[in-house]
C-alpha atoms as a PDB file:
ATOM      1  CA  UNK A   1     221.186 177.984 -37.339  1.00  0.00           C
ATOM      2  CA  UNK A   2     221.047 174.560 -35.729  1.00  0.00           C
ATOM      3  CA  UNK A   3     218.146 175.663 -33.504  1.00  0.00           C
ATOM      4  CA  UNK A   4     216.224 176.851 -36.539  1.00  0.00           C
ATOM      5  CA  UNK A   5     216.574 173.456 -38.255  1.00  0.00           C
ATOM      6  CA  UNK A   6     215.642 171.660 -35.045  1.00  0.00           C
ATOM      7  CA  UNK A   7     212.523 173.796 -34.603  1.00  0.00           C
ATOM      8  CA  UNK A   8     211.570 173.321 -38.252  1.00  0.00           C
ATOM      9  CA  UNK A   9     212.027 169.561 -37.878  1.00  0.00           C
ATOM     10  CA  UNK A  10     209.737 169.454 -34.834  1.00  0.00           C
ATOM     11  CA  UNK A  11     207.068 171.526 -36.553  1.00  0.00           C
ATOM     12  CA  UNK A  12     207.202 169.321 -39.651  1.00  0.00           C
ATOM     13  CA  UNK A  13     206.984 166.173 -37.546  1.00  0.00           C
ATOM     14  CA  UNK A  14     204.023 167.553 -35.588  1.00  0.00           C
ATOM     15  CA  UNK A  15     202.155 168.508 -38.752  1.00  0.00           C
ATOM     16  CA  UNK A  16     202.756 165.176 -40.459  1.00  0.00           C
ATOM     17  CA  UNK A  17     201.796 162.963 -37.516  1.00  0.00           C
ATOM     18  CA  UNK A  18     199.116 165.119 -35.889  1.00  0.00           C
ATOM     19  CA  UNK A  19     196.450 164.344 -38.454  1.00  0.00           C
ATOM     20  CA  UNK A  20     196.855 160.596 -38.105  1.00  0.00           C
ATOM     21  CA  UNK A  21     196.108 160.733 -34.392  1.00  0.00           C
ATOM     22  CA  UNK A  22     192.705 162.379 -34.906  1.00  0.00           C
ATOM     23  CA  UNK A  23     191.746 160.669 -38.170  1.00  0.00           C
ATOM     24  CA  UNK A  24     188.173 159.398 -38.329  1.00  0.00           C
ATOM     25  CA  UNK A  25     186.252 157.682 -41.041  1.00  0.00           C
ATOM     26  CA  UNK A  26     183.148 159.265 -42.518  1.00  0.00           C
ATOM     27  CA  UNK A  27     181.042 156.517 -40.952  1.00  0.00           C
ATOM     28  CA  UNK A  28     182.387 157.323 -37.460  1.00  0.00           C
ATOM     29  CA  UNK A  29     181.641 161.012 -37.911  1.00  0.00           C
ATOM     30  CA  UNK A  30     178.077 160.330 -39.086  1.00  0.00           C
ATOM     31  CA  UNK A  31     177.474 157.864 -36.245  1.00  0.00           C
ATOM     32  CA  UNK A  32     178.634 160.424 -33.662  1.00  0.00           C
ATOM     33  CA  UNK A  33     176.474 163.120 -35.268  1.00  0.00           C
ATOM     34  CA  UNK A  34     173.343 160.956 -35.155  1.00  0.00           C
ATOM     35  CA  UNK A  35     174.051 159.988 -31.529  1.00  0.00           C
ATOM     36  CA  UNK A  36     174.548 163.653 -30.572  1.00  0.00           C
ATOM     37  CA  UNK A  37     171.137 164.485 -32.078  1.00  0.00           C
ATOM     38  CA  UNK A  38     169.265 161.887 -30.019  1.00  0.00           C
ATOM     39  CA  UNK A  39     169.893 158.666 -31.899  1.00  0.00           C
ATOM     40  CA  UNK A  40     168.393 157.116 -35.009  1.00  0.00           C
ATOM     41  CA  UNK A  41     165.606 155.430 -33.023  1.00  0.00           C
ATOM     42  CA  UNK A  42     164.305 158.745 -31.694  1.00  0.00           C
ATOM     43  CA  UNK A  43     164.495 160.416 -35.112  1.00  0.00           C
ATOM     44  CA  UNK A  44     162.480 157.532 -36.579  1.00  0.00           C
ATOM     45  CA  UNK A  45     159.691 158.330 -34.078  1.00  0.00           C
ATOM     46  CA  UNK A  46     159.360 161.945 -35.253  1.00  0.00           C
ATOM     47  CA  UNK A  47     156.202 162.258 -37.360  1.00  0.00           C
ATOM     48  CA  UNK A  48     156.088 166.005 -38.008  1.00  0.00           C
ATOM     49  CA  UNK A  49     158.352 169.004 -37.699  1.00  0.00           C
ATOM     50  CA  UNK A  50     158.167 172.772 -38.196  1.00  0.00           C
ATOM     51  CA  UNK A  51     161.189 174.809 -39.250  1.00  0.00           C
ATOM     52  CA  UNK A  52     161.356 178.589 -39.486  1.00  0.00           C
ATOM     53  CA  UNK A  53     164.109 180.824 -40.752  1.00  0.00           C
ATOM     54  CA  UNK A  54     165.129 183.380 -43.319  1.00  0.00           C
ATOM     55  CA  UNK A  55     166.693 183.145 -46.726  1.00  0.00           C
ATOM     56  CA  UNK A  56     168.223 185.838 -48.907  1.00  0.00           C
ATOM     57  CA  UNK A  57     167.004 186.651 -52.380  1.00  0.00           C
ATOM     58  CA  UNK A  58     168.704 189.502 -54.214  1.00  0.00           C
ATOM     59  CA  UNK A  59     170.384 190.525 -50.930  1.00  0.00           C
ATOM     60  CA  UNK A  60     167.013 190.871 -49.193  1.00  0.00           C
ATOM     61  CA  UNK A  61     166.143 188.553 -46.291  1.00  0.00           C
ATOM     62  CA  UNK A  62     162.764 186.814 -46.450  1.00  0.00           C
ATOM     63  CA  UNK A  63     161.154 184.769 -43.652  1.00  0.00           C
ATOM     64  CA  UNK A  64     159.924 181.247 -44.321  1.00  0.00           C
ATOM     65  CA  UNK A  65     158.160 178.402 -42.529  1.00  0.00           C
ATOM     66  CA  UNK A  66     158.511 174.772 -43.557  1.00  0.00           C
ATOM     67  CA  UNK A  67     156.254 172.031 -42.215  1.00  0.00           C
ATOM     68  CA  UNK A  68     157.146 168.389 -42.844  1.00  0.00           C
ATOM     69  CA  UNK A  69     155.001 165.379 -42.056  1.00  0.00           C
ATOM     70  CA  UNK A  70     155.841 161.735 -42.643  1.00  0.00           C
ATOM     71  CA  UNK A  71     155.918 159.961 -44.947  1.00  0.00           C
ATOM     72  CA  UNK A  72     156.382 162.579 -47.674  1.00  0.00           C
ATOM     73  CA  UNK A  73     154.227 165.653 -47.110  1.00  0.00           C
ATOM     74  CA  UNK A  74     155.570 169.171 -46.775  1.00  0.00           C
ATOM     75  CA  UNK A  75     154.446 172.790 -46.973  1.00  0.00           C
ATOM     76  CA  UNK A  76     156.694 175.779 -47.579  1.00  0.00           C
ATOM     77  CA  UNK A  77     155.345 179.278 -46.833  1.00  0.00           C
ATOM     78  CA  UNK A  78     157.244 182.447 -47.617  1.00  0.00           C
ATOM     79  CA  UNK A  79     156.534 186.090 -48.387  1.00  0.00           C
ATOM     80  CA  UNK A  80     158.302 188.074 -51.055  1.00  0.00           C
END
């Protein structure tokens, strides 16, 4: 019985203190994400981009292509 309480105490302690060790602010997470994607400076240099994929409409997948060009132009092509 004593071992059960001891094990439960250790598990509770680990759960309560484990989150504090790895806590990050939202700003830190966003900064790391931007750095992992090449940095804000490099993203500012991007003038155009093409994205392709599929989306589901009524459980049917449909392909799409999205072109974006700075400052605020875009084109979305899809077939139904």
